[in-house]
Amino acid sequence: MTGRGVLGGVRWYLREVTGESRWEAYLARCERDGVRPMTRREYERHRS
């Protein structure tokens, strides 16, 4: 695996672990549906 591939894998893993990818998917869904999104704090509280 190349250095770029390893870094990409690490980046993907960190985004999954931290929830960043879920947050971005939520924002995209809100934009698509024309809904005002919650703040990041509200979103994390709701998930919790």
All heavy atoms as atom14 arrays in JSON, in Angstrom:
{
  "sequence": "MTGRGVLGGVRWYLREVTGESRWEAYLARCERDGVRPMTRREYERHRS",
  "atom14_mask": [
    [1, 1, 1, 1, 1, 1, 1, 1, 0, 0, 0, 0, 0, 0],
    [1, 1, 1, 1, 1, 1, 1, 0, 0, 0, 0, 0, 0, 0],
    [1, 1, 1, 1, 0, 0, 0, 0, 0, 0, 0, 0, 0, 0],
    [1, 1, 1, 1, 1, 1, 1, 1, 1, 1, 1, 0, 0, 0],
    [1, 1, 1, 1, 0, 0, 0, 0, 0, 0, 0, 0, 0, 0],
    [1, 1, 1, 1, 1, 1, 1, 0, 0, 0, 0, 0, 0, 0],
    [1, 1, 1, 1, 1, 1, 1, 1, 0, 0, 0, 0, 0, 0],
    [1, 1, 1, 1, 0, 0, 0, 0, 0, 0, 0, 0, 0, 0],
    [1, 1, 1, 1, 0, 0, 0, 0, 0, 0, 0, 0, 0, 0],
    [1, 1, 1, 1, 1, 1, 1, 0, 0, 0, 0, 0, 0, 0],
    [1, 1, 1, 1, 1, 1, 1, 1, 1, 1, 1, 0, 0, 0],
    [1, 1, 1, 1, 1, 1, 1, 1, 1, 1, 1, 1, 1, 1],
    [1, 1, 1, 1, 1, 1, 1, 1, 1, 1, 1, 1, 0, 0],
    [1, 1, 1, 1, 1, 1, 1, 1, 0, 0, 0, 0, 0, 0],
    [1, 1, 1, 1, 1, 1, 1, 1, 1, 1, 1, 0, 0, 0],
    [1, 1, 1, 1, 1, 1, 1, 1, 1, 0, 0, 0, 0, 0],
    [1, 1, 1, 1, 1, 1, 1, 0, 0, 0, 0, 0, 0, 0],
    [1, 1, 1, 1, 1, 1, 1, 0, 0, 0, 0, 0, 0, 0],
    [1, 1, 1, 1, 0, 0, 0, 0, 0, 0, 0, 0, 0, 0],
    [1, 1, 1, 1, 1, 1, 1, 1, 1, 0, 0, 0, 0, 0],
    [1, 1, 1, 1, 1, 1, 0, 0, 0, 0, 0, 0, 0, 0],
    [1, 1, 1, 1, 1, 1, 1, 1, 1, 1, 1, 0, 0, 0],
    [1, 1, 1, 1, 1, 1, 1, 1, 1, 1, 1, 1, 1, 1],
    [1, 1, 1, 1, 1, 1, 1, 1, 1, 0, 0, 0, 0, 0],
    [1, 1, 1, 1, 1, 0, 0, 0, 0, 0, 0, 0, 0, 0],
    [1, 1, 1, 1, 1, 1, 1, 1, 1, 1, 1, 1, 0, 0],
    [1, 1, 1, 1, 1, 1, 1, 1, 0, 0, 0, 0, 0, 0],
    [1, 1, 1, 1, 1, 0, 0, 0, 0, 0, 0, 0, 0, 0],
    [1, 1, 1, 1, 1, 1, 1, 1, 1, 1, 1, 0, 0, 0],
    [1, 1, 1, 1, 1, 1, 0, 0, 0, 0, 0, 0, 0, 0],
    [1, 1, 1, 1, 1, 1, 1, 1, 1, 0, 0, 0, 0, 0],
    [1, 1, 1, 1, 1, 1, 1, 1, 1, 1, 1, 0, 0, 0],
    [1, 1, 1, 1, 1, 1, 1, 1, 0, 0, 0, 0, 0, 0],
    [1, 1, 1, 1, 0, 0, 0, 0, 0, 0, 0, 0, 0, 0],
    [1, 1, 1, 1, 1, 1, 1, 0, 0, 0, 0, 0, 0, 0],
    [1, 1, 1, 1, 1, 1, 1, 1, 1, 1, 1, 0, 0, 0],
    [1, 1, 1, 1, 1, 1, 1, 0, 0, 0, 0, 0, 0, 0],
    [1, 1, 1, 1, 1, 1, 1, 1, 0, 0, 0, 0, 0, 0],
    [1, 1, 1, 1, 1, 1, 1, 0, 0, 0, 0, 0, 0, 0],
    [1, 1, 1, 1, 1, 1, 1, 1, 1, 1, 1, 0, 0, 0],
    [1, 1, 1, 1, 1, 1, 1, 1, 1, 1, 1, 0, 0, 0],
    [1, 1, 1, 1, 1, 1, 1, 1, 1, 0, 0, 0, 0, 0],
    [1, 1, 1, 1, 1, 1, 1, 1, 1, 1, 1, 1, 0, 0],
    [1, 1, 1, 1, 1, 1, 1, 1, 1, 0, 0, 0, 0, 0],
    [1, 1, 1, 1, 1, 1, 1, 1, 1, 1, 1, 0, 0, 0],
    [1, 1, 1, 1, 1, 1, 1, 1, 1, 1, 0, 0, 0, 0],
    [1, 1, 1, 1, 1, 1, 1, 1, 1, 1, 1, 0, 0, 0],
    [1, 1, 1, 1, 1, 1, 0, 0, 0, 0, 0, 0, 0, 0]
  ],
  "atom14_positions": [
    [[0.85, -1.18, 0.0], [0.0, 0.0, 0.0], [0.89, 1.24, 0.0], [1.89, 1.28, 0.7], [-0.91, -0.03, 1.23], [-2.02, 0.98, 1.18], [-3.11, 0.81, 2.61], [-4.55, 0.22, 1.82], [0.0, 0.0, 0.0], [0.0, 0.0, 0.0], [0.0, 0.0, 0.0], [0.0, 0.0, 0.0], [0.0, 0.0, 0.0], [0.0, 0.0, 0.0]],
    [[0.53, 2.21, -0.78], [1.34, 3.43, -0.88], [1.14, 4.31, 0.34], [0.19, 4.12, 1.11], [0.96, 4.23, -2.13], [-0.38, 4.72, -1.97], [1.06, 3.4, -3.38], [0.0, 0.0, 0.0], [0.0, 0.0, 0.0], [0.0, 0.0, 0.0], [0.0, 0.0, 0.0], [0.0, 0.0, 0.0], [0.0, 0.0, 0.0], [0.0, 0.0, 0.0]],
    [[2.02, 5.27, 0.52], [1.88, 6.21, 1.63], [0.57, 6.97, 1.58], [-0.08, 7.21, 2.59], [0.0, 0.0, 0.0], [0.0, 0.0, 0.0], [0.0, 0.0, 0.0], [0.0, 0.0, 0.0], [0.0, 0.0, 0.0], [0.0, 0.0, 0.0], [0.0, 0.0, 0.0], [0.0, 0.0, 0.0], [0.0, 0.0, 0.0], [0.0, 0.0, 0.0]],
    [[0.16, 7.32, 0.36], [-1.1, 8.05, 0.18], [-2.28, 7.16, 0.58], [-3.23, 7.6, 1.2], [-1.24, 8.52, -1.24], [-2.53, 9.27, -1.49], [-2.52, 9.9, -2.82], [-1.73, 11.11, -2.69], [-1.65, 12.05, -3.6], [-2.27, 11.91, -4.73], [-0.94, 13.13, -3.4], [0.0, 0.0, 0.0], [0.0, 0.0, 0.0], [0.0, 0.0, 0.0]],
    [[-2.2, 5.87, 0.21], [-3.26, 4.93, 0.54], [-3.38, 4.71, 2.05], [-4.47, 4.62, 2.59], [0.0, 0.0, 0.0], [0.0, 0.0, 0.0], [0.0, 0.0, 0.0], [0.0, 0.0, 0.0], [0.0, 0.0, 0.0], [0.0, 0.0, 0.0], [0.0, 0.0, 0.0], [0.0, 0.0, 0.0], [0.0, 0.0, 0.0], [0.0, 0.0, 0.0]],
    [[-2.24, 4.64, 2.71], [-2.23, 4.47, 4.16], [-2.83, 5.69, 4.83], [-3.67, 5.58, 5.73], [-0.79, 4.21, 4.68], [-0.75, 4.26, 6.19], [-0.28, 2.88, 4.16], [0.0, 0.0, 0.0], [0.0, 0.0, 0.0], [0.0, 0.0, 0.0], [0.0, 0.0, 0.0], [0.0, 0.0, 0.0], [0.0, 0.0, 0.0], [0.0, 0.0, 0.0]],
    [[-2.42, 6.87, 4.4], [-2.95, 8.1, 4.99], [-4.45, 8.22, 4.75], [-5.19, 8.66, 5.62], [-2.23, 9.33, 4.44], [-0.79, 9.5, 4.9], [-0.15, 10.71, 4.24], [-0.71, 9.61, 6.4], [0.0, 0.0, 0.0], [0.0, 0.0, 0.0], [0.0, 0.0, 0.0], [0.0, 0.0, 0.0], [0.0, 0.0, 0.0], [0.0, 0.0, 0.0]],
    [[-4.89, 7.82, 3.56], [-6.32, 7.86, 3.26], [-7.09, 6.91, 4.17], [-8.18, 7.23, 4.65], [0.0, 0.0, 0.0], [0.0, 0.0, 0.0], [0.0, 0.0, 0.0], [0.0, 0.0, 0.0], [0.0, 0.0, 0.0], [0.0, 0.0, 0.0], [0.0, 0.0, 0.0], [0.0, 0.0, 0.0], [0.0, 0.0, 0.0], [0.0, 0.0, 0.0]],
    [[-6.51, 5.74, 4.43], [-7.15, 4.78, 5.32], [-7.22, 5.3, 6.75], [-8.23, 5.13, 7.43], [0.0, 0.0, 0.0], [0.0, 0.0, 0.0], [0.0, 0.0, 0.0], [0.0, 0.0, 0.0], [0.0, 0.0, 0.0], [0.0, 0.0, 0.0], [0.0, 0.0, 0.0], [0.0, 0.0, 0.0], [0.0, 0.0, 0.0], [0.0, 0.0, 0.0]],
    [[-6.14, 5.91, 7.2], [-6.13, 6.49, 8.55], [-7.15, 7.62, 8.66], [-7.89, 7.71, 9.63], [-4.71, 6.99, 8.91], [-4.73, 7.81, 10.19], [-3.74, 5.82, 9.01], [0.0, 0.0, 0.0], [0.0, 0.0, 0.0], [0.0, 0.0, 0.0], [0.0, 0.0, 0.0], [0.0, 0.0, 0.0], [0.0, 0.0, 0.0], [0.0, 0.0, 0.0]],
    [[-7.22, 8.44, 7.63], [-8.19, 9.55, 7.62], [-9.61, 9.02, 7.69], [-10.44, 9.5, 8.46], [-8.0, 10.41, 6.38], [-8.94, 11.6, 6.32], [-8.65, 12.46, 5.08], [-9.48, 13.63, 5.06], [-10.69, 13.67, 4.49], [-11.18, 12.61, 3.9], [-11.4, 14.78, 4.52], [0.0, 0.0, 0.0], [0.0, 0.0, 0.0], [0.0, 0.0, 0.0]],
    [[-9.9, 7.99, 6.87], [-11.24, 7.38, 6.87], [-11.56, 6.84, 8.26], [-12.64, 7.08, 8.8], [-11.3, 6.25, 5.84], [-12.57, 5.48, 5.93], [-13.75, 5.78, 5.34], [-12.8, 4.3, 6.71], [-14.71, 4.86, 5.69], [-14.14, 3.93, 6.53], [-11.99, 3.51, 7.52], [-14.69, 2.81, 7.15], [-12.55, 2.41, 8.14], [-13.88, 2.07, 7.94]],
    [[-10.63, 6.11, 8.85], [-10.84, 5.52, 10.16], [-11.13, 6.58, 11.21], [-12.07, 6.45, 12.0], [-9.6, 4.7, 10.56], [-9.72, 4.09, 11.92], [-10.48, 2.96, 12.14], [-9.07, 4.66, 13.01], [-10.6, 2.4, 13.4], [-9.17, 4.12, 14.27], [-9.93, 2.99, 14.46], [-10.05, 2.45, 15.72], [0.0, 0.0, 0.0], [0.0, 0.0, 0.0]],
    [[-10.34, 7.63, 11.23], [-10.54, 8.69, 12.22], [-11.89, 9.38, 12.04], [-12.57, 9.7, 13.02], [-9.4, 9.71, 12.14], [-8.05, 9.21, 12.65], [-6.98, 10.25, 12.39], [-8.13, 8.85, 14.12], [0.0, 0.0, 0.0], [0.0, 0.0, 0.0], [0.0, 0.0, 0.0], [0.0, 0.0, 0.0], [0.0, 0.0, 0.0], [0.0, 0.0, 0.0]],
    [[-12.31, 9.59, 10.79], [-13.61, 10.23, 10.54], [-14.75, 9.33, 11.01], [-15.76, 9.81, 11.51], [-13.77, 10.55, 9.05], [-12.89, 11.7, 8.6], [-12.91, 11.93, 7.11], [-14.21, 11.86, 6.51], [-15.15, 12.82, 6.58], [-14.88, 13.93, 7.23], [-16.3, 12.67, 6.0], [0.0, 0.0, 0.0], [0.0, 0.0, 0.0], [0.0, 0.0, 0.0]],
    [[-14.6, 8.02, 10.86], [-15.62, 7.09, 11.33], [-15.67, 7.05, 12.85], [-16.74, 7.07, 13.46], [-15.37, 5.68, 10.78], [-15.56, 5.56, 9.29], [-16.98, 5.83, 8.85], [-17.93, 5.38, 9.52], [-17.16, 6.52, 7.83], [0.0, 0.0, 0.0], [0.0, 0.0, 0.0], [0.0, 0.0, 0.0], [0.0, 0.0, 0.0], [0.0, 0.0, 0.0]],
    [[-14.53, 6.99, 13.49], [-14.45, 6.91, 14.94], [-14.96, 8.18, 15.61], [-15.68, 8.12, 16.61], [-13.0, 6.61, 15.39], [-12.84, 6.76, 16.89], [-12.6, 5.21, 14.96], [0.0, 0.0, 0.0], [0.0, 0.0, 0.0], [0.0, 0.0, 0.0], [0.0, 0.0, 0.0], [0.0, 0.0, 0.0], [0.0, 0.0, 0.0], [0.0, 0.0, 0.0]],
    [[-14.62, 9.32, 15.06], [-15.03, 10.59, 15.67], [-16.45, 11.0, 15.34], [-17.0, 11.9, 15.96], [-14.09, 11.74, 15.24], [-14.19, 11.91, 13.83], [-12.66, 11.47, 15.66], [0.0, 0.0, 0.0], [0.0, 0.0, 0.0], [0.0, 0.0, 0.0], [0.0, 0.0, 0.0], [0.0, 0.0, 0.0], [0.0, 0.0, 0.0], [0.0, 0.0, 0.0]],
    [[-17.07, 10.35, 14.35], [-18.44, 10.7, 13.97], [-18.52, 11.8, 12.94], [-19.61, 12.25, 12.59], [0.0, 0.0, 0.0], [0.0, 0.0, 0.0], [0.0, 0.0, 0.0], [0.0, 0.0, 0.0], [0.0, 0.0, 0.0], [0.0, 0.0, 0.0], [0.0, 0.0, 0.0], [0.0, 0.0, 0.0], [0.0, 0.0, 0.0], [0.0, 0.0, 0.0]],
    [[-17.38, 12.24, 12.44], [-17.36, 13.33, 11.47], [-18.12, 12.96, 10.2], [-18.84, 13.78, 9.63], [-15.92, 13.7, 11.13], [-15.78, 14.99, 10.38], [-16.21, 16.21, 11.18], [-16.14, 16.17, 12.42], [-16.63, 17.2, 10.56], [0.0, 0.0, 0.0], [0.0, 0.0, 0.0], [0.0, 0.0, 0.0], [0.0, 0.0, 0.0], [0.0, 0.0, 0.0]],
    [[-18.0, 11.72, 9.76], [-18.7, 11.31, 8.53], [-20.21, 11.3, 8.74], [-20.97, 11.68, 7.84], [-18.21, 9.94, 8.07], [-18.49, 8.96, 9.03], [0.0, 0.0, 0.0], [0.0, 0.0, 0.0], [0.0, 0.0, 0.0], [0.0, 0.0, 0.0], [0.0, 0.0, 0.0], [0.0, 0.0, 0.0], [0.0, 0.0, 0.0], [0.0, 0.0, 0.0]],
    [[-20.69, 10.9, 9.93], [-22.13, 10.92, 10.2], [-22.65, 12.35, 10.25], [-23.75, 12.64, 9.78], [-22.43, 10.2, 11.51], [-22.3, 8.69, 11.4], [-22.7, 7.99, 12.67], [-21.84, 8.3, 13.8], [-20.72, 7.66, 14.08], [-20.31, 6.68, 13.32], [-20.0, 8.01, 15.12], [0.0, 0.0, 0.0], [0.0, 0.0, 0.0], [0.0, 0.0, 0.0]],
    [[-21.86, 13.24, 10.82], [-22.25, 14.65, 10.9], [-22.39, 15.24, 9.49], [-23.37, 15.92, 9.18], [-21.23, 15.43, 11.71], [-21.34, 16.91, 11.65], [-20.45, 17.77, 11.08], [-22.4, 17.72, 12.15], [-20.89, 19.05, 11.21], [-22.08, 19.07, 11.87], [-23.58, 17.47, 12.82], [-22.9, 20.13, 12.23], [-24.4, 18.53, 13.18], [-24.06, 19.83, 12.88]],
    [[-21.42, 14.97, 8.63], [-21.48, 15.49, 7.26], [-22.65, 14.89, 6.48], [-23.3, 15.58, 5.69], [-20.16, 15.25, 6.55], [-19.07, 16.16, 7.09], [-17.72, 15.92, 6.45], [-17.61, 15.03, 5.58], [-16.78, 16.62, 6.83], [0.0, 0.0, 0.0], [0.0, 0.0, 0.0], [0.0, 0.0, 0.0], [0.0, 0.0, 0.0], [0.0, 0.0, 0.0]],
    [[-22.95, 13.61, 6.72], [-24.1, 12.99, 6.06], [-25.4, 13.63, 6.54], [-26.32, 13.86, 5.76], [-24.11, 11.49, 6.33], [0.0, 0.0, 0.0], [0.0, 0.0, 0.0], [0.0, 0.0, 0.0], [0.0, 0.0, 0.0], [0.0, 0.0, 0.0], [0.0, 0.0, 0.0], [0.0, 0.0, 0.0], [0.0, 0.0, 0.0], [0.0, 0.0, 0.0]],
    [[-25.46, 13.94, 7.83], [-26.64, 14.62, 8.39], [-26.83, 15.99, 7.75], [-27.94, 16.35, 7.34], [-26.49, 14.74, 9.91], [-27.47, 15.69, 10.53], [-28.81, 15.36, 10.64], [-27.06, 16.94, 11.0], [-29.72, 16.24, 11.2], [-27.96, 17.82, 11.56], [-29.29, 17.47, 11.66], [-30.19, 18.35, 12.2], [0.0, 0.0, 0.0], [0.0, 0.0, 0.0]],
    [[-25.75, 16.75, 7.63], [-25.84, 18.08, 7.02], [-26.29, 17.98, 5.56], [-27.12, 18.78, 5.11], [-24.5, 18.8, 7.1], [-24.06, 19.23, 8.5], [-22.67, 19.85, 8.44], [-25.06, 20.18, 9.13], [0.0, 0.0, 0.0], [0.0, 0.0, 0.0], [0.0, 0.0, 0.0], [0.0, 0.0, 0.0], [0.0, 0.0, 0.0], [0.0, 0.0, 0.0]],
    [[-25.77, 17.0, 4.84], [-26.16, 16.81, 3.43], [-27.64, 16.45, 3.34], [-28.35, 16.95, 2.46], [-25.31, 15.72, 2.79], [0.0, 0.0, 0.0], [0.0, 0.0, 0.0], [0.0, 0.0, 0.0], [0.0, 0.0, 0.0], [0.0, 0.0, 0.0], [0.0, 0.0, 0.0], [0.0, 0.0, 0.0], [0.0, 0.0, 0.0], [0.0, 0.0, 0.0]],
    [[-28.13, 15.61, 4.24], [-29.54, 15.23, 4.25], [-30.42, 16.45, 4.53], [-31.45, 16.64, 3.88], [-29.77, 14.16, 5.32], [-30.64, 13.05, 4.9], [-30.75, 11.91, 5.89], [-30.3, 12.1, 7.25], [-29.17, 11.62, 7.75], [-28.35, 10.92, 7.0], [-28.85, 11.83, 9.01], [0.0, 0.0, 0.0], [0.0, 0.0, 0.0], [0.0, 0.0, 0.0]],
    [[-30.03, 17.26, 5.48], [-30.8, 18.47, 5.81], [-30.85, 19.41, 4.61], [-31.9, 19.97, 4.29], [-30.2, 19.19, 7.01], [-30.51, 18.35, 8.57], [0.0, 0.0, 0.0], [0.0, 0.0, 0.0], [0.0, 0.0, 0.0], [0.0, 0.0, 0.0], [0.0, 0.0, 0.0], [0.0, 0.0, 0.0], [0.0, 0.0, 0.0], [0.0, 0.0, 0.0]],
    [[-29.72, 19.59, 3.95], [-29.67, 20.47, 2.78], [-30.56, 19.93, 1.66], [-31.31, 20.66, 1.04], [-28.24, 20.61, 2.29], [-28.11, 21.6, 1.15], [-26.68, 21.81, 0.73], [-25.77, 21.57, 1.53], [-26.47, 22.23, -0.43], [0.0, 0.0, 0.0], [0.0, 0.0, 0.0], [0.0, 0.0, 0.0], [0.0, 0.0, 0.0], [0.0, 0.0, 0.0]],
    [[-30.48, 18.63, 1.43], [-31.28, 18.0, 0.38], [-32.78, 18.14, 0.67], [-33.57, 18.4, -0.22], [-30.91, 16.51, 0.27], [-31.66, 15.78, -0.81], [-31.41, 14.29, -0.78], [-32.03, 13.74, 0.43], [-31.44, 12.89, 1.26], [-30.22, 12.48, 1.04], [-32.08, 12.45, 2.32], [0.0, 0.0, 0.0], [0.0, 0.0, 0.0], [0.0, 0.0, 0.0]],
    [[-33.16, 17.99, 1.95], [-34.57, 18.05, 2.34], [-35.06, 19.46, 2.62], [-36.24, 19.66, 2.89], [-34.81, 17.17, 3.57], [-34.53, 15.7, 3.3], [-34.49, 15.3, 2.11], [-34.34, 14.95, 4.28], [0.0, 0.0, 0.0], [0.0, 0.0, 0.0], [0.0, 0.0, 0.0], [0.0, 0.0, 0.0], [0.0, 0.0, 0.0], [0.0, 0.0, 0.0]],
    [[-34.15, 20.43, 2.61], [-34.53, 21.82, 2.86], [-34.89, 22.08, 4.31], [-35.73, 22.92, 4.61], [0.0, 0.0, 0.0], [0.0, 0.0, 0.0], [0.0, 0.0, 0.0], [0.0, 0.0, 0.0], [0.0, 0.0, 0.0], [0.0, 0.0, 0.0], [0.0, 0.0, 0.0], [0.0, 0.0, 0.0], [0.0, 0.0, 0.0], [0.0, 0.0, 0.0]],
    [[-34.22, 21.36, 5.22], [-34.49, 21.46, 6.66], [-33.32, 22.17, 7.33], [-32.17, 21.94, 6.99], [-34.66, 20.05, 7.27], [-34.87, 20.13, 8.76], [-35.8, 19.32, 6.59], [0.0, 0.0, 0.0], [0.0, 0.0, 0.0], [0.0, 0.0, 0.0], [0.0, 0.0, 0.0], [0.0, 0.0, 0.0], [0.0, 0.0, 0.0], [0.0, 0.0, 0.0]],
    [[-33.63, 23.02, 8.31], [-32.57, 23.69, 9.06], [-31.92, 22.66, 9.98], [-32.61, 22.03, 10.79], [-33.15, 24.82, 9.9], [-32.1, 25.66, 10.59], [-32.75, 26.71, 11.49], [-32.03, 26.79, 12.74], [-32.27, 26.07, 13.83], [-33.25, 25.22, 13.85], [-31.55, 26.21, 14.91], [0.0, 0.0, 0.0], [0.0, 0.0, 0.0], [0.0, 0.0, 0.0]],
    [[-30.62, 22.45, 9.89], [-29.96, 21.43, 10.72], [-29.79, 21.89, 12.17], [-29.77, 23.08, 12.46], [-28.6, 21.25, 10.06], [-28.35, 22.53, 9.37], [-29.69, 23.06, 8.95], [0.0, 0.0, 0.0], [0.0, 0.0, 0.0], [0.0, 0.0, 0.0], [0.0, 0.0, 0.0], [0.0, 0.0, 0.0], [0.0, 0.0, 0.0], [0.0, 0.0, 0.0]],
    [[-29.67, 20.91, 13.05], [-29.34, 21.19, 14.44], [-27.89, 21.67, 14.48], [-27.14, 21.44, 13.54], [-29.42, 19.9, 15.27], [-30.77, 19.31, 15.42], [-30.72, 17.84, 16.47], [-30.79, 16.55, 15.23], [0.0, 0.0, 0.0], [0.0, 0.0, 0.0], [0.0, 0.0, 0.0], [0.0, 0.0, 0.0], [0.0, 0.0, 0.0], [0.0, 0.0, 0.0]],
    [[-27.53, 22.28, 15.56], [-26.12, 22.62, 15.76], [-25.37, 21.31, 16.03], [-25.98, 20.28, 16.34], [-25.93, 23.55, 16.97], [-26.33, 22.86, 18.15], [-26.73, 24.84, 16.81], [0.0, 0.0, 0.0], [0.0, 0.0, 0.0], [0.0, 0.0, 0.0], [0.0, 0.0, 0.0], [0.0, 0.0, 0.0], [0.0, 0.0, 0.0], [0.0, 0.0, 0.0]],
    [[-24.07, 21.35, 15.93], [-23.28, 20.15, 16.19], [-23.51, 19.66, 17.61], [-23.63, 18.46, 17.86], [-21.79, 20.44, 15.95], [-20.87, 19.27, 16.2], [-21.05, 18.22, 15.13], [-20.3, 17.02, 15.37], [-19.23, 16.65, 14.69], [-18.77, 17.41, 13.72], [-18.62, 15.53, 14.95], [0.0, 0.0, 0.0], [0.0, 0.0, 0.0], [0.0, 0.0, 0.0]],
    [[-23.63, 20.56, 18.53], [-23.86, 20.19, 19.93], [-25.22, 19.51, 20.1], [-25.34, 18.49, 20.78], [-23.77, 21.42, 20.81], [-23.98, 21.14, 22.26], [-23.87, 22.4, 23.09], [-23.16, 22.05, 24.29], [-22.55, 22.88, 25.07], [-22.54, 24.15, 24.78], [-21.94, 22.47, 26.14], [0.0, 0.0, 0.0], [0.0, 0.0, 0.0], [0.0, 0.0, 0.0]],
    [[-26.26, 20.08, 19.49], [-27.6, 19.49, 19.56], [-27.6, 18.1, 18.91], [-28.22, 17.17, 19.43], [-28.62, 20.37, 18.85], [-28.89, 21.68, 19.54], [-29.68, 22.65, 18.67], [-29.6, 22.56, 17.43], [-30.38, 23.49, 19.27], [0.0, 0.0, 0.0], [0.0, 0.0, 0.0], [0.0, 0.0, 0.0], [0.0, 0.0, 0.0], [0.0, 0.0, 0.0]],
    [[-26.92, 17.99, 17.78], [-26.84, 16.72, 17.06], [-26.19, 15.64, 17.92], [-26.71, 14.53, 18.04], [-26.06, 16.93, 15.77], [-25.77, 15.66, 15.02], [-26.74, 15.05, 14.24], [-24.51, 15.08, 15.08], [-26.47, 13.88, 13.55], [-24.23, 13.92, 14.39], [-25.21, 13.32, 13.62], [-24.94, 12.17, 12.95], [0.0, 0.0, 0.0], [0.0, 0.0, 0.0]],
    [[-25.06, 15.96, 18.53], [-24.36, 14.98, 19.37], [-25.19, 14.62, 20.6], [-25.21, 13.47, 21.03], [-22.98, 15.5, 19.78], [-22.01, 15.63, 18.62], [-21.69, 14.32, 17.93], [-21.91, 13.23, 18.5], [-21.21, 14.38, 16.79], [0.0, 0.0, 0.0], [0.0, 0.0, 0.0], [0.0, 0.0, 0.0], [0.0, 0.0, 0.0], [0.0, 0.0, 0.0]],
    [[-25.88, 15.6, 21.16], [-26.74, 15.32, 22.32], [-27.87, 14.38, 21.92], [-28.22, 13.45, 22.65], [-27.3, 16.63, 22.88], [-28.12, 16.46, 24.1], [-27.22, 16.09, 25.28], [-28.0, 15.28, 26.18], [-27.49, 14.34, 26.96], [-26.22, 14.12, 26.97], [-28.25, 13.65, 27.75], [0.0, 0.0, 0.0], [0.0, 0.0, 0.0], [0.0, 0.0, 0.0]],
    [[-28.47, 14.63, 20.77], [-29.55, 13.77, 20.26], [-29.04, 12.35, 20.05], [-29.71, 11.38, 20.45], [-30.07, 14.36, 18.94], [-31.1, 13.53, 18.27], [-32.38, 13.4, 18.77], [-31.04, 12.76, 17.17], [-33.07, 12.58, 17.99], [-32.28, 12.19, 17.0], [0.0, 0.0, 0.0], [0.0, 0.0, 0.0], [0.0, 0.0, 0.0], [0.0, 0.0, 0.0]],
    [[-27.89, 12.18, 19.45], [-27.32, 10.84, 19.24], [-27.04, 10.15, 20.56], [-27.29, 8.95, 20.73], [-26.02, 10.93, 18.43], [-26.26, 11.27, 16.99], [-25.01, 11.15, 16.15], [-24.56, 9.78, 16.16], [-23.32, 9.38, 16.49], [-22.41, 10.26, 16.79], [-23.0, 8.11, 16.48], [0.0, 0.0, 0.0], [0.0, 0.0, 0.0], [0.0, 0.0, 0.0]],
    [[-26.54, 10.9, 21.53], [-26.26, 10.35, 22.85], [-27.55, 9.88, 23.52], [-27.61, 8.8, 24.11], [-25.56, 11.39, 23.71], [-25.34, 10.9, 25.0], [0.0, 0.0, 0.0], [0.0, 0.0, 0.0], [0.0, 0.0, 0.0], [0.0, 0.0, 0.0], [0.0, 0.0, 0.0], [0.0, 0.0, 0.0], [0.0, 0.0, 0.0], [0.0, 0.0, 0.0]]
  ]
}
